[in-house]
N, C-alpha and C. Protein backbone atom coordinates (compact mmCIF):
# COMPACT_ATOMS: atom_id res chain seq x y z
N MET A 1 0.81 -0.91 -0.30
CA MET A 1 -0.16 0.02 0.20
C MET A 1 0.70 1.40 0.34
N ARG A 2 2.05 1.32 0.55
CA ARG A 2 3.12 2.33 0.65
C ARG A 2 3.31 2.77 -0.76
N ASN A 3 3.48 2.00 -1.50
CA ASN A 3 4.48 2.23 -2.93
C ASN A 3 3.12 3.20 -3.53
N THR A 4 1.79 2.84 -3.24
CA THR A 4 0.63 3.55 -4.22
C THR A 4 0.27 4.81 -3.67
N LEU A 5 0.41 5.24 -2.43
CA LEU A 5 0.56 6.56 -1.74
C LEU A 5 1.78 7.36 -1.30
N ILE A 6 1.91 8.43 -2.14
CA ILE A 6 2.66 9.15 -2.01
C ILE A 6 2.44 10.30 -1.27
N ARG A 7 3.19 10.44 -0.18
CA ARG A 7 2.51 12.05 0.73
C ARG A 7 3.46 11.85 1.97
N LYS A 8 3.78 13.03 2.58
CA LYS A 8 4.41 13.54 3.07
C LYS A 8 3.85 13.03 4.89
N GLN A 9 4.56 12.04 5.55
CA GLN A 9 3.61 11.52 6.74
C GLN A 9 4.46 12.35 8.10
N ASN A 10 3.94 12.75 9.09
CA ASN A 10 4.12 13.98 9.85
C ASN A 10 4.75 12.95 11.29
N ILE A 11 4.05 11.63 11.12
CA ILE A 11 4.13 11.10 12.46
C ILE A 11 5.10 9.46 11.96
N THR A 12 6.12 9.82 12.45
CA THR A 12 7.24 8.38 12.26
C THR A 12 6.95 6.95 12.67
N PRO A 13 7.34 5.75 12.02
CA PRO A 13 6.60 4.63 12.93
C PRO A 13 7.74 4.41 14.62
N GLU A 14 8.38 5.21 14.65
CA GLU A 14 9.28 5.56 15.73
C GLU A 14 8.20 5.96 16.77
N LYS A 15 7.62 7.31 15.69
CA LYS A 15 6.95 7.57 16.98
C LYS A 15 5.53 7.23 17.29
N ALA A 16 4.91 6.42 16.56
CA ALA A 16 4.06 5.67 16.95
C ALA A 16 3.85 4.45 17.48
N ILE A 17 5.42 4.16 17.40
CA ILE A 17 5.70 2.87 18.23
C ILE A 17 5.21 3.77 19.78
N LYS A 18 6.15 4.59 20.33
CA LYS A 18 6.36 5.27 21.34
C LYS A 18 4.40 5.88 21.88
N ILE A 19 3.89 6.53 21.05
CA ILE A 19 2.89 6.62 21.46
C ILE A 19 1.65 5.64 21.86
N LEU A 20 1.87 4.57 21.03
CA LEU A 20 1.04 3.45 21.47
C LEU A 20 1.46 2.80 22.64
N SER A 21 2.90 2.57 22.89
CA SER A 21 3.31 1.93 24.08
C SER A 21 2.82 2.76 25.28
N GLU A 22 2.97 3.89 25.25
CA GLU A 22 2.32 4.94 26.55
C GLU A 22 1.03 4.29 26.63
N SER A 23 0.28 3.71 25.70
CA SER A 23 -0.94 3.19 26.10
C SER A 23 -1.43 1.70 26.01
N GLY A 24 -0.10 0.88 26.08
CA GLY A 24 -0.13 -0.29 26.52
C GLY A 24 0.00 -1.16 25.58
N ILE A 25 0.18 -0.44 24.37
CA ILE A 25 -0.21 -1.53 22.81
C ILE A 25 1.31 -1.40 22.33
N ASN A 26 2.23 -2.66 22.34
CA ASN A 26 3.07 -2.87 21.68
C ASN A 26 3.52 -3.63 20.35
N ILE A 27 3.91 -2.68 19.54
CA ILE A 27 3.72 -3.42 18.12
C ILE A 27 5.26 -3.01 17.15
N ASP A 28 5.48 -3.76 16.86
CA ASP A 28 7.19 -3.92 16.12
C ASP A 28 7.05 -2.47 15.27
N LYS A 29 8.02 -2.09 14.06
CA LYS A 29 7.94 -0.98 13.63
C LYS A 29 7.35 -1.42 12.08
N LYS A 30 7.59 -2.55 11.76
CA LYS A 30 6.59 -2.84 10.57
C LYS A 30 4.99 -2.81 10.49
N ASP A 31 4.61 -3.03 11.57
CA ASP A 31 3.51 -3.18 12.32
C ASP A 31 2.74 -1.67 12.49
N ALA A 32 3.87 -1.19 12.92
CA ALA A 32 3.52 0.71 13.19
C ALA A 32 3.40 1.12 11.88
N GLN A 33 4.42 1.01 11.19
CA GLN A 33 4.19 1.60 9.54
C GLN A 33 2.81 1.24 8.64
N GLU A 34 2.26 -0.30 9.07
CA GLU A 34 0.91 -0.86 8.62
C GLU A 34 -0.08 0.08 8.80
N VAL A 35 0.07 0.56 10.27
CA VAL A 35 -1.13 1.04 11.01
C VAL A 35 -0.54 2.51 10.18
N LEU A 36 -0.27 2.98 10.24
CA LEU A 36 0.13 4.61 9.52
C LEU A 36 -0.18 4.91 8.40
N ASP A 37 0.08 3.64 7.40
CA ASP A 37 -0.19 3.59 6.25
C ASP A 37 -1.87 3.66 6.04
N ILE A 38 -2.56 2.63 6.86
CA ILE A 38 -3.97 2.81 6.87
C ILE A 38 -4.66 4.00 7.27
N MET A 39 -4.03 4.40 8.26
CA MET A 39 -4.41 5.79 8.94
C MET A 39 -4.40 7.06 7.91
N TYR A 40 -3.54 6.77 7.51
CA TYR A 40 -3.30 8.09 6.28
C TYR A 40 -3.89 7.91 5.14
N PHE A 41 -4.42 6.47 4.47
CA PHE A 41 -5.31 6.23 3.81
C PHE A 41 -6.63 6.30 4.11
N LEU A 42 -6.99 6.35 5.24
CA LEU A 42 -8.34 6.54 5.61
C LEU A 42 -8.93 8.29 5.69
N ALA A 43 -7.91 8.67 6.13
CA ALA A 43 -7.98 9.99 6.15
C ALA A 43 -8.12 11.03 4.99
N LYS A 44 -6.97 10.45 4.14
CA LYS A 44 -7.22 11.08 2.81
C LYS A 44 -8.58 10.69 2.27
N LEU A 45 -8.85 9.50 2.15
CA LEU A 45 -10.39 8.94 1.50
C LEU A 45 -11.70 9.90 2.18
N ILE A 46 -11.50 10.06 3.37
CA ILE A 46 -12.21 10.97 4.49
C ILE A 46 -12.50 12.21 3.67
N VAL A 47 -11.41 13.03 3.76
CA VAL A 47 -11.23 14.16 3.08
C VAL A 47 -12.00 14.30 1.56
N ARG A 48 -11.44 13.07 0.91
CA ARG A 48 -11.95 13.17 -0.48
C ARG A 48 -13.54 13.39 -0.49
N GLN A 49 -13.95 12.34 0.21
CA GLN A 49 -15.56 12.30 0.34
C GLN A 49 -16.27 13.30 0.71
N ASN A 50 -15.70 13.91 1.73
CA ASN A 50 -16.44 15.04 2.66
C ASN A 50 -16.57 16.64 1.81
N PHE A 51 -15.17 16.48 1.21
CA PHE A 51 -14.97 18.02 0.74
C PHE A 51 -14.68 17.87 -0.87
N LYS A 52 -15.76 17.25 -1.55
CA LYS A 52 -15.59 17.30 -3.34
C LYS A 52 -15.69 18.61 -3.82
N LYS A 53 -15.29 18.67 -4.82
CA LYS A 53 -15.54 20.01 -5.59
C LYS A 53 -16.89 19.69 -6.35
């Protein structure tokens, strides 16, 4: 999925791991990147659907 979506990501996998670990969720770097990819994809989709021209 990452190759099809070219964009600037402000949250790095390392930062996501830190944020999630503070909530008791432990994931590795690969899983963190997949979570971020899905979140950015959904955010982009929601913006497109709600703010169509």
